[in-house]
């Protein structure tokens, strides 16, 4: 079947040329693999594992409802992104979208915050995965083994990414199956055979609010959902490596959120209902409750098998994160917006991947993990900043889209919300502001630095970004198009009517 007969819209090459680029990648990623990439980056298994103890000790079992609330909010954001990527199916996602919706400097800041947050996320997922790998291999878990295994995970992901988009897609699909077995399969097993509590436990605060109102306590547990639902935008980062991206990527993004939400609910719900010592977990007396729940439910051998599944999920999560970060760095460099842009924007001849950008996406997290080896107290701080940074860069795209709509932009991609676009856009922005306020809320330890570490991290990153932007003026070195969403929409429509 020809591209034209399958897609009555523009062909992939024509669409890219209307946007001012030529094809430099190989379109070898199927829509299914594109969804697998987004899903393994979102990784409900990694999210639930990382946050279950914190969520339960903060808000008790009702914190599970944050998974539903955040999934609905991020679905609004994904609908906005879907319309944007359908008109602009370009490698790099957040950066080119912000650039075409607003301008060079605005996009530079959105991408700078997003790259910093992505690199930190790669570090924290690798650090967390090293704990699983160490227990599977029987290593004693200390600073040295954590660093060694973290670096090994980063290099392994880099080696797979170096082998090309086809291998990235294959491993993402293996990671997808590992996630689904480890999350939905295990969640169902626990729910059916190992249930120790009734479903009413999800409405039992278990005294987490003390004598006060539960509302503040519940808001404090929001991180249970907020940490989970990003990653769907990675589907758009590899837009130039997917066939028929203008139709397929919006669907892959929405599917990532729906399947991610269902998986996370099964997983979180299964662990809570199967926990023999739920009161102790909620009281904060068990730092890592999941291994003991697994051992009690699956036995020692079953728990070991599950560790293998979890490690596969972690490897594919690091792999997807590295791929997304490298495509963003490549996209940034292709427009001449970063130092060393000629080197960073090279695409290798054989494998058609941005190899130099991948090296940066592996080296920067490796350096941060060395810093964590010197001071492991900074891991929580950098992870917290990453979530707020990613939400901020998302909302810069949502705000840019709303600004263009007010000016009269009617998205011209084949995937469209039609008249609902502006309503969805306003709701997505309102949700995003609410989420960022929750993420930036200070803690209550009494230490200024510890309580405000998320905001301090963001201020440092923003300050460094602004300094570079106004001293080096990278926007002056780039003549790539900007703020042209309305003009491009008209060009696509006239191109379409002429053919």
Protein backbone atom coordinates (compact mmCIF):
# COMPACT_ATOMS: atom_id res chain seq x y z
CA UNK A 1 0.00 0.00 0.00
CA UNK A 2 1.48 3.37 -0.89
CA UNK A 3 1.95 6.17 1.63
CA UNK A 4 -0.56 8.27 -0.32
CA UNK A 5 -3.34 5.70 -0.38
CA UNK A 6 -2.91 4.96 3.32
CA UNK A 7 -2.77 8.63 4.32
CA UNK A 8 -4.97 11.04 2.38
CA UNK A 9 -3.04 13.81 4.13
CA UNK A 10 0.55 14.69 3.09
CA UNK A 11 3.19 11.99 2.67
CA UNK A 12 5.81 11.93 5.45
CA UNK A 13 8.48 13.50 3.17
CA UNK A 14 6.12 16.23 1.93
CA UNK A 15 4.98 17.04 5.46
CA UNK A 16 8.60 17.37 6.63
CA UNK A 17 9.54 19.57 3.67
CA UNK A 18 6.57 21.92 4.38
CA UNK A 19 8.07 22.23 7.90
CA UNK A 20 11.47 23.13 6.44
CA UNK A 21 13.40 19.88 6.99
CA UNK A 22 14.57 16.93 4.92
CA UNK A 23 14.43 13.27 6.00
CA UNK A 24 17.64 12.38 7.89
CA UNK A 25 16.39 9.37 9.88
CA UNK A 26 15.20 5.91 8.89
CA UNK A 27 11.44 5.44 9.44
CA UNK A 28 11.74 1.95 10.89
CA UNK A 29 9.60 2.31 14.04
CA UNK A 30 6.07 0.88 13.88
CA UNK A 31 3.13 2.55 15.71
CA UNK A 32 3.16 -0.39 18.15
CA UNK A 33 6.88 0.13 18.90
CA UNK A 34 6.22 3.89 19.26
CA UNK A 35 3.61 3.16 21.95
CA UNK A 36 6.05 0.69 23.60
CA UNK A 37 8.69 3.46 23.74
CA UNK A 38 6.30 5.90 25.47
CA UNK A 39 4.99 3.21 27.82
CA UNK A 40 8.41 1.96 28.94
CA UNK A 41 9.47 5.59 29.55
CA UNK A 42 6.27 6.23 31.59
CA UNK A 43 6.93 2.82 33.23
CA UNK A 44 4.18 2.23 35.82
CA UNK A 45 6.35 -0.51 37.36
CA UNK A 46 9.22 1.91 37.99
CA UNK A 47 6.79 4.62 39.20
CA UNK A 48 4.86 2.40 41.62
CA UNK A 49 8.06 0.81 42.95
CA UNK A 50 9.69 4.19 43.49
CA UNK A 51 6.78 5.87 45.24
CA UNK A 52 4.48 3.37 46.91
CA UNK A 53 6.10 3.61 50.36
CA UNK A 54 6.17 7.44 50.26
CA UNK A 55 2.55 7.68 49.06
CA UNK A 56 1.20 5.25 51.68
CA UNK A 57 3.13 6.79 54.57
CA UNK A 58 1.96 10.28 53.52
CA UNK A 59 -1.71 9.74 52.66
CA UNK A 60 -2.52 6.11 53.42
CA UNK A 61 -4.37 3.80 50.97
CA UNK A 62 -6.63 6.61 49.54
CA UNK A 63 -3.47 8.01 47.83
CA UNK A 64 -4.29 5.48 45.05
CA UNK A 65 -6.92 7.96 43.80
CA UNK A 66 -4.14 10.31 42.69
CA UNK A 67 -3.40 7.80 39.91
CA UNK A 68 -6.92 8.45 38.53
CA UNK A 69 -6.82 12.26 39.06
CA UNK A 70 -3.40 12.73 37.41
CA UNK A 71 -4.22 10.33 34.55
CA UNK A 72 -7.27 12.49 33.69
CA UNK A 73 -5.25 15.72 33.92
CA UNK A 74 -2.37 14.40 31.82
CA UNK A 75 -4.88 13.06 29.29
CA UNK A 76 -5.89 16.71 28.66
CA UNK A 77 -2.21 17.63 28.15
CA UNK A 78 -1.73 14.64 25.81
CA UNK A 79 -4.77 15.73 23.72
CA UNK A 80 -3.16 19.18 23.25
CA UNK A 81 0.20 17.55 22.39
CA UNK A 82 -1.61 15.26 19.94
CA UNK A 83 -2.87 18.19 17.87
CA UNK A 84 0.55 19.87 17.99
CA UNK A 85 2.53 16.75 16.95
CA UNK A 86 -0.01 16.00 14.22
CA UNK A 87 0.87 19.35 12.60
CA UNK A 88 4.57 19.25 13.63
CA UNK A 89 5.81 15.61 13.51
CA UNK A 90 9.47 16.65 14.07
CA UNK A 91 12.22 14.96 16.10
CA UNK A 92 12.71 16.42 19.58
CA UNK A 93 9.14 16.95 20.76
CA UNK A 94 8.94 19.73 23.37
CA UNK A 95 11.62 21.95 21.79
CA UNK A 96 10.36 22.19 18.18
CA UNK A 97 6.75 22.38 19.38
CA UNK A 98 7.50 25.33 21.71
CA UNK A 99 9.55 26.99 18.97
CA UNK A 100 6.86 26.78 16.30
CA UNK A 101 4.12 27.81 18.78
CA UNK A 102 5.99 30.76 20.32
CA UNK A 103 9.61 31.57 19.43
CA UNK A 104 13.31 30.75 19.70
CA UNK A 105 14.08 32.05 23.19
CA UNK A 106 10.88 30.64 24.68
CA UNK A 107 11.66 27.24 23.14
CA UNK A 108 15.26 27.45 24.31
CA UNK A 109 14.12 27.78 27.94
CA UNK A 110 11.48 25.03 27.60
CA UNK A 111 14.05 22.64 26.14
CA UNK A 112 16.80 23.62 28.61
CA UNK A 113 14.55 22.85 31.61
CA UNK A 114 13.32 19.66 29.94
CA UNK A 115 16.83 18.40 29.06
CA UNK A 116 18.03 19.02 32.66
CA UNK A 117 14.96 17.22 34.03
CA UNK A 118 15.38 14.31 31.58
CA UNK A 119 19.06 13.83 32.43
CA UNK A 120 18.21 13.81 36.15
CA UNK A 121 15.37 11.32 35.50
CA UNK A 122 17.78 8.98 33.64
CA UNK A 123 20.10 9.18 36.67
CA UNK A 124 17.40 8.44 39.26
CA UNK A 125 15.88 5.52 37.30
CA UNK A 126 19.37 4.00 36.84
CA UNK A 127 20.16 4.51 40.53
CA UNK A 128 16.88 2.88 41.57
CA UNK A 129 17.32 0.00 39.08
CA UNK A 130 20.78 -0.72 40.48
CA UNK A 131 19.14 -1.78 43.78
CA UNK A 132 17.12 -4.48 41.96
CA UNK A 133 20.11 -5.67 39.92
CA UNK A 134 22.28 -5.87 43.06
CA UNK A 135 19.72 -7.99 44.95
CA UNK A 136 19.28 -10.31 41.94
CA UNK A 137 23.05 -10.77 41.55
CA UNK A 138 23.52 -11.12 45.32
CA UNK A 139 25.74 -8.05 45.70
CA UNK A 140 25.87 -6.28 49.02
CA UNK A 141 24.09 -2.95 48.49
CA UNK A 142 26.48 -0.11 49.32
CA UNK A 143 27.70 3.11 47.67
CA UNK A 144 30.30 1.35 45.54
CA UNK A 145 28.04 -1.38 44.13
CA UNK A 146 25.25 1.18 43.52
CA UNK A 147 27.64 3.35 41.47
CA UNK A 148 29.11 0.39 39.55
CA UNK A 149 25.70 -1.10 38.65
CA UNK A 150 24.24 2.33 37.79
CA UNK A 151 27.11 3.01 35.36
CA UNK A 152 26.75 -0.51 33.90
CA UNK A 153 23.01 0.12 33.28
CA UNK A 154 23.76 3.44 31.55
CA UNK A 155 26.43 1.91 29.30
CA UNK A 156 24.24 -1.11 28.46
CA UNK A 157 21.39 1.22 27.40
CA UNK A 158 23.86 3.28 25.34
CA UNK A 159 25.17 0.14 23.56
CA UNK A 160 21.60 -0.91 22.62
CA UNK A 161 20.77 2.63 21.46
CA UNK A 162 23.96 2.68 19.35
CA UNK A 163 22.76 -0.37 17.42
CA UNK A 164 19.95 1.65 15.82
CA UNK A 165 16.23 2.40 15.94
CA UNK A 166 15.25 -1.21 15.13
CA UNK A 167 16.99 -2.53 18.25
CA UNK A 168 15.58 0.32 20.34
CA UNK A 169 12.09 -0.69 19.12
CA UNK A 170 12.73 -4.40 19.84
CA UNK A 171 13.95 -3.84 23.39
CA UNK A 172 11.11 -1.35 24.02
CA UNK A 173 8.64 -4.11 23.02
CA UNK A 174 10.37 -6.62 25.37
CA UNK A 175 10.23 -3.96 28.11
CA UNK A 176 6.53 -3.44 27.38
CA UNK A 177 5.77 -7.16 27.91
CA UNK A 178 7.94 -7.22 31.06
CA UNK A 179 5.98 -4.21 32.37
CA UNK A 180 2.60 -5.76 31.59
CA UNK A 181 3.54 -9.10 33.22
CA UNK A 182 5.15 -7.37 36.20
CA UNK A 183 2.36 -4.85 36.67
CA UNK A 184 -1.01 -6.15 35.44
CA UNK A 185 -0.22 -9.90 35.72
CA UNK A 186 1.20 -9.66 39.22
CA UNK A 187 -1.43 -7.11 40.30
CA UNK A 188 -4.23 -9.49 39.24
CA UNK A 189 -2.53 -12.46 40.98
CA UNK A 190 -2.27 -10.50 44.23
CA UNK A 191 -5.86 -9.24 43.96
CA UNK A 192 -7.32 -12.70 43.30
CA UNK A 193 -5.19 -15.05 45.41
CA UNK A 194 -3.37 -13.00 48.05
CA UNK A 195 -5.90 -10.42 49.20
CA UNK A 196 -5.62 -9.65 52.95
CA UNK A 197 -7.87 -6.53 53.03
CA UNK A 198 -11.24 -5.49 51.64
CA UNK A 199 -11.57 -2.84 48.91
CA UNK A 200 -12.96 -0.41 51.51
CA UNK A 201 -9.35 0.07 52.67
CA UNK A 202 -8.95 2.60 49.81
CA UNK A 203 -11.31 4.90 51.71
CA UNK A 204 -9.55 4.38 55.06
CA UNK A 205 -7.05 7.14 55.89
CA UNK A 206 -5.55 4.97 58.70
CA UNK A 207 -4.91 8.01 60.87
CA UNK A 208 -2.50 9.71 58.43
CA UNK A 209 -4.16 13.10 59.05
CA UNK A 210 -3.80 12.88 62.83
CA UNK A 211 -6.40 15.17 64.41
CA UNK A 212 -6.43 17.61 61.46
CA UNK A 213 -8.27 17.67 58.12
CA UNK A 214 -7.43 14.92 55.64
CA UNK A 215 -7.52 17.37 52.67
CA UNK A 216 -3.99 18.71 53.26
CA UNK A 217 -2.68 15.19 53.87
CA UNK A 218 -4.28 13.95 50.65
CA UNK A 219 -2.76 16.84 48.66
CA UNK A 220 0.64 15.93 50.15
CA UNK A 221 0.31 12.41 48.70
CA UNK A 222 -0.20 13.77 45.15
CA UNK A 223 3.33 12.73 44.18
CA UNK A 224 1.96 9.15 43.95
CA UNK A 225 0.33 10.11 40.66
CA UNK A 226 2.39 13.11 39.55
CA UNK A 227 5.59 11.04 39.30
CA UNK A 228 3.88 8.45 37.12
CA UNK A 229 2.31 10.20 34.16
CA UNK A 230 4.99 11.67 32.00
CA UNK A 231 6.78 9.80 29.25
CA UNK A 232 3.94 9.84 26.73
CA UNK A 233 5.65 12.81 25.03
CA UNK A 234 8.59 10.50 24.15
CA UNK A 235 6.36 9.08 21.39
CA UNK A 236 6.78 12.47 19.69
CA UNK A 237 10.54 12.75 20.31
CA UNK A 238 11.20 10.10 17.63
CA UNK A 239 8.59 11.46 15.17
CA UNK A 240 10.99 11.33 12.20
CA UNK A 241 11.68 7.62 12.82
CA UNK A 242 7.99 6.57 12.69
CA UNK A 243 5.96 6.01 9.53
CA UNK A 244 2.78 8.12 9.26
CA UNK A 245 3.59 9.95 12.55
CA UNK A 246 0.95 12.69 12.13
CA UNK A 247 -1.80 10.08 12.65
CA UNK A 248 -0.06 7.43 14.75
CA UNK A 249 1.77 9.43 17.45
CA UNK A 250 -1.30 11.16 19.00
CA UNK A 251 -2.95 7.72 19.35
CA UNK A 252 0.24 6.22 20.86
CA UNK A 253 0.38 9.07 23.44
CA UNK A 254 -3.23 8.55 24.55
CA UNK A 255 -2.80 4.77 24.68
CA UNK A 256 0.32 5.22 26.85
CA UNK A 257 -1.73 7.10 29.46
CA UNK A 258 -4.75 4.75 29.41
CA UNK A 259 -2.68 1.53 29.64
CA UNK A 260 -0.32 3.21 32.14
CA UNK A 261 -3.22 4.21 34.42
CA UNK A 262 -4.85 0.74 34.33
CA UNK A 263 -1.47 -0.92 34.99
CA UNK A 264 -0.59 1.40 37.88
CA UNK A 265 -4.02 0.89 39.51
CA UNK A 266 -3.68 -2.92 39.32
CA UNK A 267 -0.15 -2.78 40.66
CA UNK A 268 -0.62 -0.26 43.48
CA UNK A 269 -4.00 -1.78 44.42
CA UNK A 270 -2.64 -5.34 44.38
CA UNK A 271 0.29 -4.49 46.67
CA UNK A 272 -1.91 -2.60 49.15
CA UNK A 273 -4.53 -5.37 49.36
CA UNK A 274 -1.87 -8.12 49.68
CA UNK A 275 0.27 -6.32 52.28
CA UNK A 276 0.22 -8.34 55.53
CA UNK A 277 1.73 -5.40 57.45
CA UNK A 278 -0.23 -2.49 55.90
CA UNK A 279 -0.50 -0.56 59.19
CA UNK A 280 3.32 -0.64 59.59
CA UNK A 281 3.83 0.56 55.98
CA UNK A 282 1.39 3.46 56.48
CA UNK A 283 3.12 4.32 59.78
CA UNK A 284 6.37 4.67 57.78
CA UNK A 285 8.09 1.78 59.60
CA UNK A 286 8.86 -0.16 56.38
CA UNK A 287 11.18 1.68 53.99
CA UNK A 288 10.85 -0.77 51.08
CA UNK A 289 7.63 -2.78 51.50
CA UNK A 290 7.37 -4.43 48.07
CA UNK A 291 10.08 -7.18 48.40
CA UNK A 292 8.48 -8.54 51.60
CA UNK A 293 4.98 -8.52 50.01
CA UNK A 294 6.40 -10.41 47.00
CA UNK A 295 8.33 -12.91 49.07
CA UNK A 296 5.24 -13.58 51.20
CA UNK A 297 3.01 -14.01 48.11
CA UNK A 298 5.33 -15.62 45.51
CA UNK A 299 7.93 -17.40 47.64
CA UNK A 300 11.70 -16.89 47.25
CA UNK A 301 11.91 -18.32 43.68
CA UNK A 302 8.87 -16.37 42.49
CA UNK A 303 10.29 -13.16 43.95
CA UNK A 304 13.61 -13.80 42.10
CA UNK A 305 11.76 -14.33 38.78
CA UNK A 306 9.89 -11.09 39.38
CA UNK A 307 13.23 -9.31 39.98
CA UNK A 308 14.33 -10.37 36.46
CA UNK A 309 11.08 -8.92 35.03
CA UNK A 310 11.58 -5.70 37.02
CA UNK A 311 15.19 -5.33 35.80
CA UNK A 312 14.06 -5.75 32.17
CA UNK A 313 11.55 -2.95 32.79
CA UNK A 314 14.25 -0.72 34.30
CA UNK A 315 16.67 -1.35 31.40
CA UNK A 316 14.01 -0.51 28.81
CA UNK A 317 12.99 2.59 30.82
CA UNK A 318 16.61 3.89 30.85
CA UNK A 319 16.87 3.01 27.14
CA UNK A 320 13.71 4.95 26.23
CA UNK A 321 14.77 7.93 28.37
CA UNK A 322 18.21 8.04 26.71
CA UNK A 323 16.63 7.84 23.25
CA UNK A 324 14.19 10.67 24.06
CA UNK A 325 16.94 12.89 25.53
CA UNK A 326 19.27 12.30 22.56
CA UNK A 327 16.56 13.21 20.01
CA UNK A 328 15.83 16.40 21.92
CA UNK A 329 19.55 17.32 22.08
CA UNK A 330 19.84 16.51 18.34
CA UNK A 331 16.82 18.69 17.52
CA UNK A 332 18.27 21.54 19.61
CA UNK A 333 21.64 21.19 17.85
CA UNK A 334 20.17 20.89 14.33
CA UNK A 335 18.79 24.42 14.77
CA UNK A 336 22.24 25.66 15.95
CA UNK A 337 20.99 26.43 19.48
CA UNK A 338 23.72 24.79 21.63
CA UNK A 339 27.53 24.87 21.85
CA UNK A 340 29.06 22.13 19.68
CA UNK A 341 25.90 21.99 17.56
CA UNK A 342 27.67 20.68 14.44
CA UNK A 343 29.03 17.69 16.39
CA UNK A 344 25.78 17.08 18.28
CA UNK A 345 23.56 17.20 15.17
CA UNK A 346 25.48 14.46 13.29
CA UNK A 347 23.44 11.39 12.31
CA UNK A 348 25.55 8.26 11.69
CA UNK A 349 25.43 6.89 8.14
CA UNK A 350 24.77 3.21 8.86
CA UNK A 351 22.43 3.14 11.86
CA UNK A 352 20.84 6.58 11.25
CA UNK A 353 20.94 7.61 14.91
CA UNK A 354 22.27 10.80 16.58
CA UNK A 355 25.26 9.00 18.13
CA UNK A 356 27.01 12.06 19.62
CA UNK A 357 23.79 13.29 21.25
CA UNK A 358 23.40 9.78 22.73
CA UNK A 359 26.91 9.97 24.21
CA UNK A 360 25.89 13.18 26.04
CA UNK A 361 22.61 11.55 27.21
CA UNK A 362 24.72 8.77 28.80
CA UNK A 363 27.71 10.81 30.08
CA UNK A 364 25.75 13.56 31.92
CA UNK A 365 23.73 11.07 34.08
CA UNK A 366 26.96 9.11 34.71
CA UNK A 367 28.59 12.28 36.10
CA UNK A 368 25.57 12.99 38.34
CA UNK A 369 25.68 9.41 39.67
CA UNK A 370 29.34 10.01 40.63
CA UNK A 371 28.21 13.14 42.54
CA UNK A 372 25.55 10.99 44.27
CA UNK A 373 28.32 8.52 45.22
CA UNK A 374 30.03 11.41 47.07
CA UNK A 375 26.75 12.58 48.65
CA UNK A 376 23.78 10.21 48.41
CA UNK A 377 21.55 12.78 50.13
CA UNK A 378 21.12 14.69 46.85
CA UNK A 379 19.24 11.86 45.06
CA UNK A 380 15.80 12.80 46.45
CA UNK A 381 16.47 16.48 45.74
CA UNK A 382 17.40 15.97 42.10
CA UNK A 383 14.49 13.56 41.51
CA UNK A 384 11.98 16.03 42.96
CA UNK A 385 13.29 18.83 40.74
CA UNK A 386 12.99 16.58 37.68
CA UNK A 387 9.22 16.15 38.06
CA UNK A 388 8.57 19.89 38.46
CA UNK A 389 10.92 20.69 35.54
CA UNK A 390 9.13 18.28 33.23
CA UNK A 391 5.68 19.64 34.21
CA UNK A 392 6.91 23.21 33.62
CA UNK A 393 8.22 22.44 30.12
CA UNK A 394 4.95 20.60 29.30
CA UNK A 395 2.93 23.63 30.35
CA UNK A 396 5.11 25.95 28.24
CA UNK A 397 3.91 23.95 25.20
CA UNK A 398 0.28 24.00 26.44
CA UNK A 399 0.48 27.79 26.97
CA UNK A 400 2.09 28.28 23.53
CA UNK A 401 -0.72 26.29 21.89
CA UNK A 402 -3.38 28.35 23.69
CA UNK A 403 -1.70 31.61 22.63
CA UNK A 404 -1.73 30.50 18.98
CA UNK A 405 -5.38 29.40 19.19
CA UNK A 406 -6.35 32.86 20.52
CA UNK A 407 -4.52 34.35 17.50
CA UNK A 408 -6.63 32.16 15.20
CA UNK A 409 -4.60 28.94 14.78
CA UNK A 410 -6.63 25.97 13.57
CA UNK A 411 -4.36 22.87 13.80
CA UNK A 412 -3.90 21.36 10.33
CA UNK A 413 -2.69 17.85 11.17
CA UNK A 414 -4.81 14.83 10.23
CA UNK A 415 -5.51 14.19 13.96
CA UNK A 416 -7.69 16.97 15.39
CA UNK A 417 -9.94 17.88 18.33
CA UNK A 418 -11.85 20.30 16.06
CA UNK A 419 -14.08 22.66 18.07
CA UNK A 420 -13.12 21.06 21.40
CA UNK A 421 -9.47 22.14 21.02
CA UNK A 422 -9.66 25.45 22.88
CA UNK A 423 -11.73 24.05 25.80
CA UNK A 424 -9.34 21.09 26.23
CA UNK A 425 -6.37 23.50 25.98
CA UNK A 426 -7.71 25.79 28.78
CA UNK A 427 -8.48 22.79 31.04
CA UNK A 428 -4.99 21.31 30.38
CA UNK A 429 -3.36 24.61 31.41
CA UNK A 430 -5.49 24.87 34.58
CA UNK A 431 -4.61 21.27 35.53
CA UNK A 432 -0.90 21.90 34.84
CA UNK A 433 -0.78 24.99 37.08
CA UNK A 434 -2.54 23.01 39.87
CA UNK A 435 0.00 20.15 39.51
CA UNK A 436 2.98 22.53 39.61
CA UNK A 437 1.66 24.22 42.79
CA UNK A 438 1.35 20.76 44.42
CA UNK A 439 4.90 19.83 43.36
CA UNK A 440 6.39 23.12 44.58
CA UNK A 441 4.64 23.08 47.99
CA UNK A 442 7.30 23.27 50.72
CA UNK A 443 7.83 20.33 53.07
CA UNK A 444 7.52 20.55 56.86
CA UNK A 445 10.85 19.28 58.21
CA UNK A 446 11.80 22.72 59.55
CA UNK A 447 14.94 22.96 57.40
CA UNK A 448 14.62 25.70 54.75
CA UNK A 449 16.81 23.88 52.20
CA UNK A 450 15.14 20.47 52.66
CA UNK A 451 11.62 21.95 52.59
CA UNK A 452 12.17 24.03 49.45
CA UNK A 453 14.63 21.82 47.57
CA UNK A 454 12.31 21.39 44.55
CA UNK A 455 11.94 25.15 44.03
CA UNK A 456 15.63 25.81 44.72
CA UNK A 457 16.57 23.22 42.05
CA UNK A 458 14.23 24.83 39.54
CA UNK A 459 15.49 28.37 40.30
CA UNK A 460 19.13 27.24 39.82
CA UNK A 461 18.31 25.60 36.45
CA UNK A 462 16.25 28.60 35.27
CA UNK A 463 18.94 31.09 36.37
CA UNK A 464 21.69 29.15 34.55
CA UNK A 465 19.47 28.94 31.45
CA UNK A 466 18.66 32.65 31.44
CA UNK A 467 22.33 33.57 31.94
CA UNK A 468 23.43 31.45 28.98
CA UNK A 469 20.53 32.66 26.85
CA UNK A 470 21.28 36.35 27.38
CA UNK A 471 25.10 36.13 27.37
CA UNK A 472 25.66 33.67 24.49
CA UNK A 473 22.44 34.53 22.60
CA UNK A 474 22.11 31.12 20.86
CA UNK A 475 18.86 32.32 19.26
CA UNK A 476 20.87 34.72 17.06
CA UNK A 477 22.88 31.82 15.61
CA UNK A 478 19.76 30.03 14.39
CA UNK A 479 17.65 30.87 11.37
CA UNK A 480 15.26 27.90 11.69
CA UNK A 481 11.56 28.86 11.59
CA UNK A 482 9.71 30.04 14.71
CA UNK A 483 6.20 31.11 15.78
CA UNK A 484 4.76 29.96 12.46
CA UNK A 485 1.93 27.62 13.56
CA UNK A 486 -0.75 29.60 11.66
CA UNK A 487 1.40 29.98 8.49
CA UNK A 488 2.30 26.27 8.49
CA UNK A 489 -1.36 25.27 8.96
CA UNK A 490 -2.25 27.37 5.91
CA UNK A 491 0.68 25.93 3.90
CA UNK A 492 -0.41 22.36 4.74
CA UNK A 493 -4.00 23.11 3.72
CA UNK A 494 -2.97 24.73 0.43
CA UNK A 495 -0.49 21.88 -0.31
CA UNK A 496 -3.31 19.45 0.39
CA UNK A 497 -5.79 21.25 -1.88
CA UNK A 498 -3.23 21.44 -4.72
CA UNK A 499 -2.70 17.69 -4.69
